[in-house]
Amino acid sequence: MARSAPADGPATARSALRRDPWLLGLVAVTGLAFILFTALAGNTEWQVRVFWAFQPGVDLLLTVFSWRVARLATGAVRRFWLVLTLTGALFTIGDTFQAVSTWRPGEWSTNGDTVQTVFLGIGMAAVVTAMLLHPHPDRNGRERLGFWLDSATVLVAGAVVAWCSLVTPDGATRSDMLAVLAATGVAVTASFASVKMILSGNAPMHRAAAIPMIGAAVVMSVGMFLGDQTHPVAYFVRYLPTVLICAGPRVQLLLASSDRTAFGERRRKPYSLLPYGAMVVAFGVLAIALPGGVNARLWGVVAGLALICALVAWRQLVAFHDNQALIAQLREHEGRLIDQAHFDGLTGLANRGHFRDQVETALDAAPASVSVLLVDLDGFKAVNDTMGHAAGDALLIGVADRLRGSIRSGDVAARLGGDEFAVLLPDCTTAEAEQTAVRILAALTVPEQIDGIPVRAAASIGVASASPGANVNSLLREADIAMYAAKHQGKGTWLRHDPSMLATRPADMMHG
């Protein structure tokens, strides 16, 4: 899969499907088989010979198509198609033996003999093994458990169908039990394959190629319940799955030849309706078995239905656990979003918006006891210019830690942006606010070790206490004026706001 597909690859593939001579030939051969089954009605010997005569050629096409698809694929997908190639070869050999045996007297049955059944069984086992070994992409243990529970539910439904086919209403088993069991196995295998293709998200074939192969399982299941097994329609229904199974690889070959994404991984569905479909099938079989009364056949169907219900309930418990895990992840994600919206990503302090909200809340609760400190670092630009931005970030983180260690548990420290910090002091007197400013300056006098170099973060602090009628903007503006006055006075100090500061503040220190 080295080269990418052209933009019109899928459209080209769909057009090729409609005009493909091999698919049209399969349709023509199928129609011919039905005509012959009808024309030979009443002549069971020749109907059976025609039935088996058509099988080996279709099996051989299955082998060839699968081999050609395998040559286009790589990795686990190629392995799957090589196994399907082997399966087609085994079917060809077994059906050829059976076609030859129909010319012997007394061999007039659409059920295969020992040789054909053995080759059929080996082929089915190979397909199941390939399905089991095909990888599940990006699945954790619980997702794999859910997948196998869904698969087991479908398989149990197939077993219920098999039981109802093998056991007669009087409790005896059919004389052709081996052949019916083999045919049922094909249907169950195809059902399992459909589960794998639909649920895994890493199917070895395109959905368009899987549809006829899944249809083969459905048709085969219908054929086991036909009343008159010698009617032309019965022969046709038992022959049709062979054609459908062959059509799948041909469709895949056409799609893969023009669009290499036909092998691509596809998004798997987070849920599956197949287990509920299996329940519907089981209830349908129960409806068939009920008229026969209470017998071994009915008890087997009831047991299978009970097992299906248990598997579905187990699957629901797994889904509930997954939902709880998803809710926990959503809550964690919500918490991260709240943190991103309210806190500074570098220092972990409140950001400007969250700080303003906290100040507003404090003013609404007790406006007469709210103070704000505005802390602006002195000489921070020189640290950035001489030691780099990483050193500047380390210094900011260190300042944030010093702020946290200098305030009370109910106070709020924030980084407003750049090298500007603020502290909200609710339920605080003016004297206590001034003491907090002193503690912060004392904490900042201890040098911060950055790459082994001691760096002291000097700062200027403006202190503002709320006056009657104060709001967020006015309080922050007063703290800002006091901070710039402290910086003008000589830096590394603090000042409390005084109304006279606005008149004496130099124009070049006006802070936006």
Protein backbone atom coordinates (compact mmCIF):
# COMPACT_ATOMS: atom_id res chain seq x y z
CA MET A 1 0.00 0.00 0.00
CA ALA A 2 2.75 2.37 -0.93
CA ARG A 3 0.87 4.77 -3.15
CA SER A 4 -2.27 6.67 -2.30
CA ALA A 5 -5.50 6.30 -4.20
CA PRO A 6 -6.63 8.90 -6.68
CA ALA A 7 -9.35 11.28 -5.63
CA ASP A 8 -11.93 9.51 -7.77
CA GLY A 9 -10.92 6.04 -6.54
CA PRO A 10 -14.19 5.17 -4.73
CA ALA A 11 -16.34 6.38 -7.66
CA THR A 12 -14.21 4.37 -10.08
CA ALA A 13 -14.58 1.29 -7.87
CA ARG A 14 -18.38 1.60 -7.72
CA SER A 15 -18.53 1.90 -11.49
CA ALA A 16 -16.31 -1.16 -11.84
CA LEU A 17 -18.60 -3.16 -9.54
CA ARG A 18 -21.58 -2.51 -11.78
CA ARG A 19 -19.69 -3.50 -14.93
CA ASP A 20 -17.45 -6.28 -13.64
CA PRO A 21 -17.68 -9.31 -15.95
CA TRP A 22 -16.90 -11.77 -13.15
CA LEU A 23 -19.71 -10.53 -10.92
CA LEU A 24 -22.07 -10.45 -13.89
CA GLY A 25 -20.93 -13.98 -14.70
CA LEU A 26 -21.70 -15.14 -11.17
CA VAL A 27 -25.19 -13.69 -11.51
CA ALA A 28 -25.64 -15.46 -14.85
CA VAL A 29 -24.40 -18.80 -13.50
CA THR A 30 -26.72 -18.47 -10.49
CA GLY A 31 -29.64 -17.81 -12.78
CA LEU A 32 -28.69 -20.82 -14.92
CA ALA A 33 -28.55 -23.02 -11.82
CA PHE A 34 -32.05 -21.96 -10.81
CA ILE A 35 -33.35 -22.66 -14.31
CA LEU A 36 -31.82 -26.16 -14.24
CA PHE A 37 -33.16 -26.88 -10.74
CA THR A 38 -36.61 -25.92 -11.97
CA ALA A 39 -36.35 -27.81 -15.26
CA LEU A 40 -35.23 -30.95 -13.43
CA ALA A 41 -37.98 -30.79 -10.81
CA GLY A 42 -38.92 -34.30 -9.76
CA ASN A 43 -35.59 -35.76 -10.91
CA THR A 44 -33.70 -35.65 -7.61
CA GLU A 45 -30.69 -37.52 -8.98
CA TRP A 46 -29.93 -34.89 -11.66
CA GLN A 47 -30.85 -31.96 -9.41
CA VAL A 48 -28.19 -33.11 -6.94
CA ARG A 49 -25.63 -33.62 -9.71
CA VAL A 50 -26.27 -30.11 -11.02
CA PHE A 51 -26.07 -28.73 -7.47
CA TRP A 52 -22.60 -30.19 -6.86
CA ALA A 53 -21.36 -29.59 -10.40
CA PHE A 54 -21.68 -25.83 -9.93
CA GLN A 55 -19.82 -25.77 -6.57
CA PRO A 56 -16.12 -26.43 -7.46
CA GLY A 57 -15.92 -23.70 -10.11
CA VAL A 58 -17.26 -21.06 -7.70
CA ASP A 59 -14.93 -22.33 -4.98
CA LEU A 60 -11.98 -22.00 -7.35
CA LEU A 61 -12.96 -18.39 -8.08
CA LEU A 62 -13.08 -17.75 -4.32
CA THR A 63 -9.51 -19.07 -4.09
CA VAL A 64 -8.21 -16.97 -6.98
CA PHE A 65 -9.93 -13.75 -5.90
CA SER A 66 -8.71 -14.14 -2.31
CA TRP A 67 -5.15 -14.74 -3.51
CA ARG A 68 -5.20 -11.62 -5.65
CA VAL A 69 -6.52 -9.54 -2.74
CA ALA A 70 -3.77 -10.94 -0.51
CA ARG A 71 -1.15 -9.70 -2.97
CA LEU A 72 -2.46 -6.15 -2.55
CA ALA A 73 -2.56 -6.24 1.25
CA THR A 74 0.13 -6.18 3.94
CA GLY A 75 0.54 -7.30 7.54
CA ALA A 76 -2.38 -8.87 9.42
CA VAL A 77 -4.78 -8.09 6.57
CA ARG A 78 -2.63 -10.04 4.13
CA ARG A 79 -2.53 -12.96 6.58
CA PHE A 80 -6.32 -13.03 6.73
CA TRP A 81 -6.67 -13.13 2.95
CA LEU A 82 -4.04 -15.86 2.65
CA VAL A 83 -6.08 -17.94 5.11
CA LEU A 84 -9.20 -17.29 3.04
CA THR A 85 -7.25 -18.41 -0.03
CA LEU A 86 -6.41 -21.67 1.75
CA THR A 87 -10.06 -22.02 2.78
CA GLY A 88 -11.19 -21.62 -0.83
CA ALA A 89 -8.72 -24.28 -1.94
CA LEU A 90 -10.03 -26.69 0.73
CA PHE A 91 -13.62 -26.03 -0.33
CA THR A 92 -12.63 -26.67 -3.97
CA ILE A 93 -11.08 -30.03 -3.15
CA GLY A 94 -13.94 -31.18 -0.93
CA ASP A 95 -16.68 -30.09 -3.33
CA THR A 96 -14.86 -31.66 -6.29
CA PHE A 97 -14.79 -35.02 -4.49
CA GLN A 98 -18.47 -34.62 -3.71
CA ALA A 99 -19.35 -33.68 -7.31
CA VAL A 100 -17.63 -36.83 -8.56
CA SER A 101 -19.33 -39.02 -5.92
CA THR A 102 -22.80 -37.91 -7.07
CA TRP A 103 -22.33 -40.07 -10.17
CA ARG A 104 -22.20 -43.18 -8.01
CA PRO A 105 -25.56 -44.93 -7.44
CA GLY A 106 -27.31 -43.87 -4.25
CA GLU A 107 -25.29 -40.67 -3.74
CA TRP A 108 -28.09 -38.18 -4.30
CA SER A 109 -27.93 -35.68 -1.45
CA THR A 110 -26.98 -32.04 -1.11
CA ASN A 111 -25.38 -32.93 2.21
CA GLY A 112 -21.67 -33.68 1.81
CA ASP A 113 -20.09 -37.02 2.62
CA THR A 114 -17.14 -37.56 4.96
CA VAL A 115 -14.45 -36.19 2.62
CA GLN A 116 -16.38 -33.03 1.78
CA THR A 117 -17.35 -32.43 5.42
CA VAL A 118 -13.74 -32.82 6.63
CA PHE A 119 -12.39 -30.31 4.10
CA LEU A 120 -15.27 -27.97 4.89
CA GLY A 121 -14.55 -28.24 8.63
CA ILE A 122 -10.84 -27.55 8.20
CA GLY A 123 -11.62 -24.49 6.10
CA MET A 124 -14.07 -23.15 8.67
CA ALA A 125 -11.55 -23.72 11.48
CA ALA A 126 -8.93 -21.80 9.50
CA VAL A 127 -11.27 -18.82 9.05
CA VAL A 128 -12.22 -18.76 12.74
CA THR A 129 -8.53 -18.91 13.71
CA ALA A 130 -7.73 -16.02 11.37
CA MET A 131 -10.54 -14.01 12.93
CA LEU A 132 -9.30 -14.75 16.45
CA LEU A 133 -5.75 -13.72 15.57
CA HIS A 134 -6.69 -10.56 13.71
CA PRO A 135 -5.60 -7.61 15.89
CA HIS A 136 -7.95 -5.31 17.77
CA PRO A 137 -6.62 -1.75 17.41
CA ASP A 138 -6.27 0.46 20.48
CA ARG A 139 -8.48 -1.63 22.74
CA ASN A 140 -8.08 -1.86 26.49
CA GLY A 141 -9.04 -4.93 28.48
CA ARG A 142 -12.61 -3.84 29.14
CA GLU A 143 -13.22 -3.00 25.47
CA ARG A 144 -11.92 -6.43 24.46
CA LEU A 145 -14.25 -8.03 27.02
CA GLY A 146 -17.20 -6.15 25.54
CA PHE A 147 -16.21 -7.29 22.05
CA TRP A 148 -16.06 -10.93 23.07
CA LEU A 149 -19.36 -10.71 24.92
CA ASP A 150 -21.01 -9.34 21.77
CA SER A 151 -19.36 -12.06 19.69
CA ALA A 152 -20.36 -14.80 22.15
CA THR A 153 -23.97 -13.59 22.03
CA VAL A 154 -24.06 -13.99 18.26
CA LEU A 155 -22.40 -17.40 18.45
CA VAL A 156 -24.91 -18.63 21.02
CA ALA A 157 -27.72 -17.48 18.72
CA GLY A 158 -26.12 -19.56 15.96
CA ALA A 159 -25.93 -22.54 18.33
CA VAL A 160 -29.65 -22.13 19.12
CA VAL A 161 -30.43 -22.23 15.42
CA ALA A 162 -28.23 -25.34 15.06
CA TRP A 163 -29.94 -27.09 17.97
CA CYS A 164 -33.38 -26.40 16.55
CA SER A 165 -32.19 -27.77 13.18
CA LEU A 166 -30.57 -30.92 14.56
CA VAL A 167 -33.15 -32.00 17.12
CA THR A 168 -36.61 -33.01 15.96
CA PRO A 169 -39.71 -32.19 18.04
CA ASP A 170 -39.76 -35.73 19.46
CA GLY A 171 -36.24 -35.25 20.86
CA ALA A 172 -34.39 -37.42 18.36
CA THR A 173 -31.49 -36.15 16.27
CA ARG A 174 -31.65 -36.02 12.50
CA SER A 175 -29.98 -38.80 10.57
CA ASP A 176 -27.96 -36.28 8.57
CA MET A 177 -26.70 -34.62 11.77
CA LEU A 178 -23.06 -34.33 10.61
CA ALA A 179 -23.97 -32.57 7.39
CA VAL A 180 -26.46 -30.25 9.06
CA LEU A 181 -23.91 -29.49 11.80
CA ALA A 182 -21.34 -28.58 9.14
CA ALA A 183 -23.80 -26.32 7.34
CA THR A 184 -24.74 -24.69 10.64
CA GLY A 185 -21.06 -24.22 11.39
CA VAL A 186 -20.65 -22.28 8.18
CA ALA A 187 -23.51 -19.98 9.17
CA VAL A 188 -22.16 -19.51 12.69
CA THR A 189 -18.65 -18.87 11.35
CA ALA A 190 -19.94 -16.25 8.93
CA SER A 191 -21.94 -14.66 11.76
CA PHE A 192 -18.84 -14.50 13.91
CA ALA A 193 -16.93 -12.99 11.00
CA SER A 194 -19.62 -10.34 10.59
CA VAL A 195 -19.30 -9.41 14.26
CA LYS A 196 -15.57 -9.08 13.87
CA MET A 197 -15.87 -6.92 10.76
CA ILE A 198 -18.53 -4.63 12.17
CA LEU A 199 -17.24 -4.21 15.72
CA SER A 200 -13.46 -4.34 15.49
CA GLY A 201 -12.84 -1.07 13.61
CA ASN A 202 -9.98 -2.90 11.91
CA ALA A 203 -11.83 -5.19 9.52
CA PRO A 204 -9.68 -6.92 6.88
CA MET A 205 -12.21 -6.05 4.20
CA HIS A 206 -14.42 -3.20 3.11
CA ARG A 207 -18.01 -3.20 4.32
CA ALA A 208 -19.26 -3.57 0.74
CA ALA A 209 -17.27 -6.81 0.48
CA ALA A 210 -18.52 -8.06 3.84
CA ILE A 211 -22.21 -7.62 2.98
CA PRO A 212 -22.51 -10.57 0.54
CA MET A 213 -20.51 -12.81 2.90
CA ILE A 214 -22.80 -11.91 5.80
CA GLY A 215 -25.75 -12.49 3.48
CA ALA A 216 -24.45 -16.00 2.87
CA ALA A 217 -24.89 -16.78 6.57
CA VAL A 218 -28.43 -15.46 6.55
CA VAL A 219 -29.41 -17.44 3.45
CA MET A 220 -27.81 -20.59 4.84
CA SER A 221 -29.78 -20.26 8.07
CA VAL A 222 -33.00 -19.87 6.09
CA GLY A 223 -32.18 -22.96 4.04
CA MET A 224 -32.01 -25.16 7.14
CA PHE A 225 -35.68 -24.50 7.91
CA LEU A 226 -37.12 -25.09 4.45
CA GLY A 227 -39.80 -27.73 4.51
CA ASP A 228 -39.57 -29.55 1.14
CA GLN A 229 -35.83 -30.10 0.62
CA THR A 230 -36.41 -31.38 -2.93
CA HIS A 231 -38.16 -28.25 -4.20
CA PRO A 232 -36.15 -26.24 -6.78
CA VAL A 233 -36.18 -23.22 -4.44
CA ALA A 234 -34.56 -25.36 -1.71
CA TYR A 235 -31.69 -26.33 -4.03
CA PHE A 236 -31.28 -22.71 -5.07
CA VAL A 237 -31.24 -21.43 -1.47
CA ARG A 238 -28.60 -24.02 -0.49
CA TYR A 239 -26.49 -23.11 -3.54
CA LEU A 240 -26.74 -19.30 -3.20
CA PRO A 241 -24.39 -18.97 -0.16
CA THR A 242 -21.50 -20.38 -2.22
CA VAL A 243 -21.96 -17.59 -4.77
CA LEU A 244 -22.30 -14.89 -2.13
CA ILE A 245 -19.13 -16.00 -0.32
CA CYS A 246 -17.27 -15.89 -3.64
CA ALA A 247 -18.62 -12.41 -4.46
CA GLY A 248 -17.10 -10.89 -1.30
CA PRO A 249 -13.42 -11.29 -2.32
CA ARG A 250 -14.21 -10.12 -5.86
CA VAL A 251 -15.80 -6.93 -4.52
CA GLN A 252 -12.82 -6.42 -2.21
CA LEU A 253 -10.40 -6.91 -5.13
CA LEU A 254 -12.17 -4.28 -7.23
CA LEU A 255 -12.28 -1.79 -4.35
CA ALA A 256 -8.66 -2.34 -3.33
CA SER A 257 -7.37 -2.08 -6.89
CA SER A 258 -8.60 1.50 -7.25
CA ASP A 259 -8.79 2.63 -3.63
CA ARG A 260 -6.17 1.37 -1.18
CA THR A 261 -8.13 2.80 1.74
CA ALA A 262 -10.39 -0.23 1.32
CA PHE A 263 -7.97 -1.89 3.77
CA GLY A 264 -7.78 1.20 5.98
CA GLU A 265 -8.69 1.25 9.64
CA ARG A 266 -12.16 2.62 10.18
CA ARG A 267 -13.71 4.20 13.23
CA ARG A 268 -15.42 1.54 15.23
CA LYS A 269 -18.85 2.19 16.68
CA PRO A 270 -19.00 2.80 20.43
CA TYR A 271 -22.00 0.46 20.61
CA SER A 272 -23.45 -2.52 18.78
CA LEU A 273 -26.99 -3.65 18.09
CA LEU A 274 -25.89 -7.19 17.14
CA PRO A 275 -26.52 -8.70 20.61
CA TYR A 276 -30.10 -7.47 20.45
CA GLY A 277 -30.39 -8.91 16.97
CA ALA A 278 -29.20 -12.23 18.39
CA MET A 279 -31.98 -12.03 20.97
CA VAL A 280 -34.52 -11.47 18.20
CA VAL A 281 -33.20 -14.53 16.34
CA ALA A 282 -33.40 -16.64 19.50
CA PHE A 283 -36.99 -15.55 20.19
CA GLY A 284 -37.84 -16.36 16.57
CA VAL A 285 -36.45 -19.89 16.99
CA LEU A 286 -38.42 -20.17 20.25
CA ALA A 287 -41.60 -19.34 18.34
CA ILE A 288 -40.77 -22.15 15.91
CA ALA A 289 -40.09 -24.65 18.72
CA LEU A 290 -43.13 -23.82 20.89
CA PRO A 291 -45.79 -25.59 18.78
CA GLY A 292 -43.97 -28.90 19.36
CA GLY A 293 -44.64 -28.73 23.09
CA VAL A 294 -42.24 -29.18 25.98
CA ASN A 295 -39.41 -31.40 24.75
CA ALA A 296 -35.62 -31.51 24.42
CA ARG A 297 -35.76 -29.21 21.41
CA LEU A 298 -37.67 -26.52 23.33
CA TRP A 299 -35.50 -26.84 26.45
CA GLY A 300 -32.37 -26.38 24.35
CA VAL A 301 -33.76 -23.21 22.77
CA VAL A 302 -34.85 -21.86 26.18
CA ALA A 303 -31.40 -22.57 27.63
CA GLY A 304 -29.74 -20.77 24.74
CA LEU A 305 -32.09 -17.80 25.09
CA ALA A 306 -31.34 -17.60 28.83
CA LEU A 307 -27.61 -17.62 28.10
CA ILE A 308 -28.05 -14.85 25.52
CA CYS A 309 -29.97 -12.73 28.05
CA ALA A 310 -27.20 -13.31 30.63
CA LEU A 311 -24.52 -12.28 28.12
CA VAL A 312 -26.46 -9.15 27.15
CA ALA A 313 -26.92 -8.26 30.84
CA TRP A 314 -23.19 -8.75 31.42
CA ARG A 315 -22.48 -6.55 28.43
CA GLN A 316 -24.74 -3.87 29.89
CA LEU A 317 -22.82 -3.98 33.18
CA VAL A 318 -19.60 -3.48 31.22
CA ALA A 319 -21.23 -0.58 29.39
CA PHE A 320 -22.37 0.97 32.69
CA HIS A 321 -18.82 0.79 34.00
CA ASP A 322 -17.55 2.36 30.78
CA ASN A 323 -20.13 5.12 31.13
CA GLN A 324 -19.00 5.82 34.70
CA ALA A 325 -15.39 5.97 33.54
CA LEU A 326 -16.44 8.33 30.74
CA ILE A 327 -18.30 10.56 33.19
CA ALA A 328 -15.20 10.65 35.41
CA GLN A 329 -13.09 11.62 32.41
CA LEU A 330 -15.58 14.35 31.48
CA ARG A 331 -15.50 15.70 35.03
CA GLU A 332 -11.71 15.66 34.99
CA HIS A 333 -11.74 17.47 31.66
CA GLU A 334 -14.26 19.95 33.03
CA GLY A 335 -11.96 20.55 36.00
CA ARG A 336 -9.03 21.20 33.66
CA LEU A 337 -11.11 23.66 31.66
CA ILE A 338 -12.13 25.47 34.85
CA ASP A 339 -8.50 25.63 35.92
CA GLN A 340 -7.51 27.01 32.52
CA ALA A 341 -10.29 29.59 32.73
CA HIS A 342 -9.54 30.68 36.34
CA PHE A 343 -5.83 30.12 36.95
CA ASP A 344 -2.52 31.15 35.44
CA GLY A 345 -0.90 28.29 33.56
CA LEU A 346 2.66 29.08 34.67
CA THR A 347 2.32 29.91 38.37
CA GLY A 348 -1.00 28.28 39.28
CA LEU A 349 -2.19 31.54 40.83
CA ALA A 350 -5.58 33.04 39.98
CA ASN A 351 -5.61 34.85 36.65
CA ARG A 352 -6.83 38.41 36.08
CA GLY A 353 -10.47 37.49 35.36
CA HIS A 354 -10.82 35.16 38.34
CA PHE A 355 -9.12 37.67 40.63
CA ARG A 356 -11.54 40.42 39.63
CA ASP A 357 -14.47 38.07 40.31
CA GLN A 358 -13.07 37.28 43.78
CA VAL A 359 -12.59 40.98 44.56
CA GLU A 360 -16.15 41.72 43.46
CA THR A 361 -17.50 38.91 45.64
CA ALA A 362 -15.53 40.16 48.65
CA LEU A 363 -16.77 43.73 48.15
CA ASP A 364 -20.37 42.53 47.99
CA ALA A 365 -19.93 40.55 51.23
CA ALA A 366 -18.03 43.08 53.41
CA PRO A 367 -16.88 46.17 51.50
CA ALA A 368 -15.43 47.95 54.57
CA SER A 369 -12.84 45.23 55.28
CA VAL A 370 -11.35 44.53 51.82
CA SER A 371 -7.80 45.45 50.81
CA VAL A 372 -5.81 44.79 47.66
CA LEU A 373 -2.05 44.65 47.15
CA LEU A 374 -0.57 45.24 43.70
CA VAL A 375 2.93 43.74 43.39
CA ASP A 376 5.16 44.69 40.45
CA LEU A 377 8.66 43.19 40.16
CA ASP A 378 11.64 45.52 39.79
CA GLY A 379 14.27 44.58 37.24
CA PHE A 380 12.45 41.57 35.83
CA LYS A 381 13.21 42.58 32.24
CA ALA A 382 16.95 42.45 32.99
CA VAL A 383 16.61 38.84 34.18
CA ASN A 384 14.83 37.89 30.95
CA ASP A 385 17.40 39.69 28.79
CA THR A 386 20.52 38.36 30.52
CA MET A 387 19.48 34.83 31.59
CA GLY A 388 16.72 33.96 29.11
CA HIS A 389 12.98 33.45 29.28
CA ALA A 390 13.30 30.09 31.04
CA ALA A 391 15.08 31.83 33.93
CA GLY A 392 12.39 34.53 33.91
CA ASP A 393 9.68 31.87 34.16
CA ALA A 394 11.52 30.20 37.04
CA LEU A 395 11.69 33.53 38.84
CA LEU A 396 7.95 34.11 38.37
CA ILE A 397 7.20 30.65 39.77
CA GLY A 398 9.43 31.42 42.77
CA VAL A 399 7.65 34.74 43.38
CA ALA A 400 4.29 32.92 43.28
CA ASP A 401 5.52 30.50 45.94
CA ARG A 402 6.71 33.40 48.14
CA LEU A 403 3.29 35.05 47.81
CA ARG A 404 1.49 31.89 48.87
CA GLY A 405 3.75 31.59 51.91
CA SER A 406 3.15 35.18 52.98
CA ILE A 407 -0.66 35.33 52.99
CA ARG A 408 -3.49 33.73 54.95
CA SER A 409 -5.46 30.69 53.79
CA GLY A 410 -8.48 32.79 52.88
CA ASP A 411 -6.52 35.35 50.86
CA VAL A 412 -6.23 35.16 47.07
CA ALA A 413 -2.94 35.63 45.20
CA ALA A 414 -3.05 36.25 41.44
CA ARG A 415 -0.81 36.88 38.49
CA LEU A 416 -2.36 39.65 36.44
CA GLY A 417 0.09 39.28 33.56
CA GLY A 418 3.81 39.63 32.86
CA ASP A 419 5.61 40.40 36.14
CA GLU A 420 2.56 41.94 37.82
CA PHE A 421 0.92 40.17 40.77
CA ALA A 422 -1.94 41.02 43.11
CA VAL A 423 -3.26 39.86 46.48
CA LEU A 424 -6.85 40.07 47.73
CA LEU A 425 -7.18 40.42 51.51
CA PRO A 426 -10.82 39.99 52.61
CA ASP A 427 -11.79 40.59 56.26
CA CYS A 428 -8.60 42.57 56.74
CA THR A 429 -7.85 45.92 58.39
CA THR A 430 -5.57 48.50 56.81
CA ALA A 431 -2.86 47.75 59.38
CA GLU A 432 -3.03 44.01 58.60
CA ALA A 433 -2.79 44.77 54.88
CA GLU A 434 0.36 46.83 55.49
CA GLN A 435 1.83 43.96 57.56
CA THR A 436 1.17 41.57 54.69
CA ALA A 437 3.04 43.89 52.30
CA VAL A 438 6.00 43.91 54.69
CA ARG A 439 5.99 40.08 54.87
CA ILE A 440 5.94 39.78 51.08
CA LEU A 441 8.88 42.17 50.66
CA ALA A 442 10.81 40.28 53.34
CA ALA A 443 10.13 36.96 51.60
CA LEU A 444 11.31 38.37 48.27
CA THR A 445 14.64 39.48 49.76
CA VAL A 446 15.70 35.81 49.88
CA PRO A 447 17.42 35.09 46.53
CA GLU A 448 15.88 32.51 44.16
CA GLN A 449 18.41 29.92 42.95
CA ILE A 450 18.17 29.68 39.15
CA ASP A 451 20.68 27.34 37.49
CA GLY A 452 22.88 27.76 40.55
CA ILE A 453 22.80 31.56 40.37
CA PRO A 454 21.11 33.51 43.19
CA VAL A 455 18.56 35.97 41.80
CA ARG A 456 16.65 38.35 44.08
CA ALA A 457 13.18 39.42 43.02
CA ALA A 458 12.80 43.00 44.26
CA ALA A 459 9.28 44.44 44.05
CA SER A 460 7.23 47.56 44.57
CA ILE A 461 3.86 47.12 46.30
CA GLY A 462 0.82 49.36 46.30
CA VAL A 463 -1.74 48.92 49.09
CA ALA A 464 -5.37 50.04 48.74
CA SER A 465 -8.24 49.55 51.19
CA ALA A 466 -11.84 49.80 50.05
CA SER A 467 -13.64 53.03 50.86
CA PRO A 468 -17.43 53.48 50.90
CA GLY A 469 -18.81 53.03 47.38
CA ALA A 470 -15.63 51.33 46.09
CA ASN A 471 -15.84 48.84 43.24
CA VAL A 472 -13.37 46.51 41.57
CA ASN A 473 -12.07 49.08 39.10
CA SER A 474 -11.62 51.87 41.64
CA LEU A 475 -9.89 49.61 44.17
CA LEU A 476 -7.45 48.21 41.61
CA ARG A 477 -6.81 51.70 40.25
CA GLU A 478 -5.93 53.00 43.72
CA ALA A 479 -3.57 50.04 44.34
CA ASP A 480 -2.00 50.69 40.93
CA ILE A 481 -1.41 54.38 41.77
CA ALA A 482 0.14 53.44 45.12
CA MET A 483 2.38 50.85 43.49
CA TYR A 484 3.73 53.37 40.96
CA ALA A 485 4.30 55.88 43.73
CA ALA A 486 6.35 53.27 45.61
CA LYS A 487 8.32 52.49 42.46
CA HIS A 488 9.00 56.22 41.93
CA GLN A 489 10.07 56.61 45.56
CA GLY A 490 12.93 54.16 45.14
CA LYS A 491 11.59 50.64 44.42
CA GLY A 492 11.77 47.66 46.79
CA THR A 493 9.22 49.25 49.09
CA TRP A 494 5.49 49.60 49.63
CA LEU A 495 3.07 52.52 49.95
CA ARG A 496 -0.56 52.76 50.95
CA HIS A 497 -2.81 54.72 48.63
CA ASP A 498 -3.47 58.31 49.51
CA PRO A 499 -5.78 60.63 47.50
CA SER A 500 -2.91 63.12 47.10
CA MET A 501 -0.89 60.58 45.07
CA LEU A 502 -2.90 61.19 41.91
CA ALA A 503 -1.87 64.88 41.83
CA THR A 504 1.82 64.20 42.33
CA ARG A 505 2.11 61.17 40.03
CA PRO A 506 4.37 61.92 37.00
CA ALA A 507 2.69 61.70 33.63
CA ASP A 508 5.21 59.15 32.35
CA MET A 509 4.12 56.77 35.10
CA MET A 510 0.46 56.65 34.12
CA HIS A 511 -0.35 52.95 34.01
CA GLY A 512 -3.00 51.63 31.68
